[in-house]
Amino acid sequence: MADQDFKEPYNILYFLGFVVALLIPILPATLTWIRVLNGYAGF
């Protein structure tokens, strides 16, 4: 029982770390897309 209680939060932290690792390369791309869209709106 204690083993399962310990394993569950660890899996959640591992999953959150995985999501953050996926978002790190995506964040600059979204920022550049926002800049491009703002640039087109300026034209």
PDB file of N, CA and C in Angstrom:
ATOM      1  N   MET A   1       0.850  -1.200   0.000  1.00  0.00           N
ATOM      2  CA  MET A   1       0.000   0.000   0.000  1.00  0.00           C
ATOM      3  C   MET A   1       0.889   1.255   0.000  1.00  0.00           C
ATOM      4  N   ALA A   2       1.891   1.283   0.882  1.00  0.00           N
ATOM      5  CA  ALA A   2       2.769   2.457   0.951  1.00  0.00           C
ATOM      6  C   ALA A   2       3.538   2.615  -0.366  1.00  0.00           C
ATOM      7  N   ASP A   3       3.865   1.488  -0.998  1.00  0.00           N
ATOM      8  CA  ASP A   3       4.602   1.551  -2.260  1.00  0.00           C
ATOM      9  C   ASP A   3       3.772   2.266  -3.328  1.00  0.00           C
ATOM     10  N   GLN A   4       2.496   1.934  -3.418  1.00  0.00           N
ATOM     11  CA  GLN A   4       1.627   2.577  -4.410  1.00  0.00           C
ATOM     12  C   GLN A   4       1.457   4.061  -4.083  1.00  0.00           C
ATOM     13  N   ASP A   5       1.302   4.388  -2.805  1.00  0.00           N
ATOM     14  CA  ASP A   5       1.136   5.796  -2.414  1.00  0.00           C
ATOM     15  C   ASP A   5       2.380   6.601  -2.797  1.00  0.00           C
ATOM     16  N   PHE A   6       3.556   5.990  -2.713  1.00  0.00           N
ATOM     17  CA  PHE A   6       4.781   6.699  -3.066  1.00  0.00           C
ATOM     18  C   PHE A   6       4.922   6.807  -4.586  1.00  0.00           C
ATOM     19  N   LYS A   7       4.470   5.791  -5.298  1.00  0.00           N
ATOM     20  CA  LYS A   7       4.701   5.741  -6.742  1.00  0.00           C
ATOM     21  C   LYS A   7       3.807   6.732  -7.493  1.00  0.00           C
ATOM     22  N   GLU A   8       2.612   6.985  -7.010  1.00  0.00           N
ATOM     23  CA  GLU A   8       1.673   7.817  -7.775  1.00  0.00           C
ATOM     24  C   GLU A   8       2.146   9.270  -7.921  1.00  0.00           C
ATOM     25  N   PRO A   9       2.513   9.985  -6.856  1.00  0.00           N
ATOM     26  CA  PRO A   9       2.978  11.370  -7.032  1.00  0.00           C
ATOM     27  C   PRO A   9       4.234  11.414  -7.893  1.00  0.00           C
ATOM     28  N   TYR A  10       5.091  10.393  -7.804  1.00  0.00           N
ATOM     29  CA  TYR A  10       6.307  10.362  -8.616  1.00  0.00           C
ATOM     30  C   TYR A  10       5.945  10.309 -10.097  1.00  0.00           C
ATOM     31  N   ASN A  11       4.933   9.513 -10.446  1.00  0.00           N
ATOM     32  CA  ASN A  11       4.491   9.440 -11.844  1.00  0.00           C
ATOM     33  C   ASN A  11       3.923  10.780 -12.301  1.00  0.00           C
ATOM     34  N   ILE A  12       3.199  11.464 -11.421  1.00  0.00           N
ATOM     35  CA  ILE A  12       2.620  12.770 -11.782  1.00  0.00           C
ATOM     36  C   ILE A  12       3.751  13.781 -12.022  1.00  0.00           C
ATOM     37  N   LEU A  13       4.771  13.774 -11.155  1.00  0.00           N
ATOM     38  CA  LEU A  13       5.896  14.699 -11.332  1.00  0.00           C
ATOM     39  C   LEU A  13       6.639  14.372 -12.623  1.00  0.00           C
ATOM     40  N   TYR A  14       6.805  13.075 -12.916  1.00  0.00           N
ATOM     41  CA  TYR A  14       7.490  12.664 -14.144  1.00  0.00           C
ATOM     42  C   TYR A  14       6.702  13.131 -15.362  1.00  0.00           C
ATOM     43  N   PHE A  15       5.376  13.013 -15.293  1.00  0.00           N
ATOM     44  CA  PHE A  15       4.512  13.443 -16.394  1.00  0.00           C
ATOM     45  C   PHE A  15       4.595  14.961 -16.579  1.00  0.00           C
ATOM     46  N   LEU A  16       4.582  15.710 -15.461  1.00  0.00           N
ATOM     47  CA  LEU A  16       4.686  17.170 -15.557  1.00  0.00           C
ATOM     48  C   LEU A  16       6.037  17.579 -16.148  1.00  0.00           C
ATOM     49  N   GLY A  17       7.093  16.899 -15.750  1.00  0.00           N
ATOM     50  CA  GLY A  17       8.417  17.183 -16.306  1.00  0.00           C
ATOM     51  C   GLY A  17       8.439  16.902 -17.800  1.00  0.00           C
ATOM     52  N   PHE A  18       7.769  15.835 -18.219  1.00  0.00           N
ATOM     53  CA  PHE A  18       7.696  15.483 -19.639  1.00  0.00           C
ATOM     54  C   PHE A  18       6.942  16.558 -20.418  1.00  0.00           C
ATOM     55  N   VAL A  19       5.835  17.050 -19.850  1.00  0.00           N
ATOM     56  CA  VAL A  19       5.044  18.100 -20.514  1.00  0.00           C
ATOM     57  C   VAL A  19       5.880  19.383 -20.627  1.00  0.00           C
ATOM     58  N   VAL A  20       6.597  19.733 -19.558  1.00  0.00           N
ATOM     59  CA  VAL A  20       7.430  20.949 -19.588  1.00  0.00           C
ATOM     60  C   VAL A  20       8.527  20.800 -20.636  1.00  0.00           C
ATOM     61  N   ALA A  21       9.130  19.607 -20.713  1.00  0.00           N
ATOM     62  CA  ALA A  21      10.184  19.372 -21.705  1.00  0.00           C
ATOM     63  C   ALA A  21       9.624  19.521 -23.117  1.00  0.00           C
ATOM     64  N   LEU A  22       8.365  19.138 -23.326  1.00  0.00           N
ATOM     65  CA  LEU A  22       7.750  19.295 -24.645  1.00  0.00           C
ATOM     66  C   LEU A  22       7.438  20.763 -24.919  1.00  0.00           C
ATOM     67  N   LEU A  23       7.046  21.508 -23.887  1.00  0.00           N
ATOM     68  CA  LEU A  23       6.643  22.903 -24.088  1.00  0.00           C
ATOM     69  C   LEU A  23       7.842  23.832 -24.307  1.00  0.00           C
ATOM     70  N   ILE A  24       9.010  23.477 -23.769  1.00  0.00           N
ATOM     71  CA  ILE A  24      10.170  24.376 -23.880  1.00  0.00           C
ATOM     72  C   ILE A  24      10.490  24.703 -25.345  1.00  0.00           C
ATOM     73  N   PRO A  25      10.569  23.735 -26.278  1.00  0.00           N
ATOM     74  CA  PRO A  25      10.834  24.109 -27.672  1.00  0.00           C
ATOM     75  C   PRO A  25       9.638  24.786 -28.343  1.00  0.00           C
ATOM     76  N   ILE A  26       8.435  24.558 -27.845  1.00  0.00           N
ATOM     77  CA  ILE A  26       7.235  25.115 -28.492  1.00  0.00           C
ATOM     78  C   ILE A  26       7.049  26.596 -28.134  1.00  0.00           C
ATOM     79  N   LEU A  27       7.465  26.997 -26.923  1.00  0.00           N
ATOM     80  CA  LEU A  27       7.238  28.380 -26.477  1.00  0.00           C
ATOM     81  C   LEU A  27       7.857  29.420 -27.417  1.00  0.00           C
ATOM     82  N   PRO A  28       9.125  29.317 -27.810  1.00  0.00           N
ATOM     83  CA  PRO A  28       9.676  30.331 -28.724  1.00  0.00           C
ATOM     84  C   PRO A  28       8.965  30.317 -30.072  1.00  0.00           C
ATOM     85  N   ALA A  29       8.535  29.145 -30.532  1.00  0.00           N
ATOM     86  CA  ALA A  29       7.824  29.057 -31.811  1.00  0.00           C
ATOM     87  C   ALA A  29       6.498  29.812 -31.727  1.00  0.00           C
ATOM     88  N   THR A  30       5.770  29.660 -30.628  1.00  0.00           N
ATOM     89  CA  THR A  30       4.494  30.370 -30.486  1.00  0.00           C
ATOM     90  C   THR A  30       4.741  31.874 -30.402  1.00  0.00           C
ATOM     91  N   LEU A  31       5.820  32.277 -29.720  1.00  0.00           N
ATOM     92  CA  LEU A  31       6.128  33.709 -29.632  1.00  0.00           C
ATOM     93  C   LEU A  31       6.439  34.271 -31.014  1.00  0.00           C
ATOM     94  N   THR A  32       7.198  33.523 -31.814  1.00  0.00           N
ATOM     95  CA  THR A  32       7.522  34.010 -33.163  1.00  0.00           C
ATOM     96  C   THR A  32       6.259  34.050 -34.012  1.00  0.00           C
ATOM     97  N   TRP A  33       5.363  33.071 -33.857  1.00  0.00           N
ATOM     98  CA  TRP A  33       4.105  33.085 -34.622  1.00  0.00           C
ATOM     99  C   TRP A  33       3.271  34.309 -34.253  1.00  0.00           C
ATOM    100  N   ILE A  34       3.247  34.652 -32.945  1.00  0.00           N
ATOM    101  CA  ILE A  34       2.487  35.840 -32.511  1.00  0.00           C
ATOM    102  C   ILE A  34       3.105  37.088 -33.145  1.00  0.00           C
ATOM    103  N   ARG A  35       4.443  37.127 -33.193  1.00  0.00           N
ATOM    104  CA  ARG A  35       5.118  38.274 -33.827  1.00  0.00           C
ATOM    105  C   ARG A  35       4.763  38.345 -35.305  1.00  0.00           C
ATOM    106  N   VAL A  36       4.777  37.201 -35.989  1.00  0.00           N
ATOM    107  CA  VAL A  36       4.476  37.185 -37.425  1.00  0.00           C
ATOM    108  C   VAL A  36       3.037  37.646 -37.656  1.00  0.00           C
ATOM    109  N   LEU A  37       2.109  37.146 -36.847  1.00  0.00           N
ATOM    110  CA  LEU A  37       0.712  37.546 -37.017  1.00  0.00           C
ATOM    111  C   LEU A  37       0.540  39.035 -36.733  1.00  0.00           C
ATOM    112  N   ASN A  38       1.238  39.535 -35.719  1.00  0.00           N
ATOM    113  CA  ASN A  38       1.168  40.976 -35.424  1.00  0.00           C
ATOM    114  C   ASN A  38       1.776  41.775 -36.568  1.00  0.00           C
ATOM    115  N   GLY A  39       2.843  41.259 -37.161  1.00  0.00           N
ATOM    116  CA  GLY A  39       3.475  41.942 -38.285  1.00  0.00           C
ATOM    117  C   GLY A  39       2.528  42.010 -39.471  1.00  0.00           C
ATOM    118  N   TYR A  40       1.852  40.915 -39.765  1.00  0.00           N
ATOM    119  CA  TYR A  40       0.888  40.914 -40.886  1.00  0.00           C
ATOM    120  C   TYR A  40      -0.275  41.859 -40.580  1.00  0.00           C
ATOM    121  N   ALA A  41      -0.675  41.911 -39.306  1.00  0.00           N
ATOM    122  CA  ALA A  41      -1.767  42.809 -38.939  1.00  0.00           C
ATOM    123  C   ALA A  41      -1.310  44.260 -39.115  1.00  0.00           C
ATOM    124  N   GLY A  42      -0.016  44.532 -38.868  1.00  0.00           N
ATOM    125  CA  GLY A  42       0.512  45.886 -39.024  1.00  0.00           C
ATOM    126  C   GLY A  42       0.478  46.303 -40.494  1.00  0.00           C
ATOM    127  N   PHE A  43       0.741  45.352 -41.391  1.00  0.00           N
ATOM    128  CA  PHE A  43       0.670  45.679 -42.823  1.00  0.00           C
ATOM    129  C   PHE A  43      -0.780  45.896 -43.226  1.00  0.00           C
TER     130      PHE A  43
END
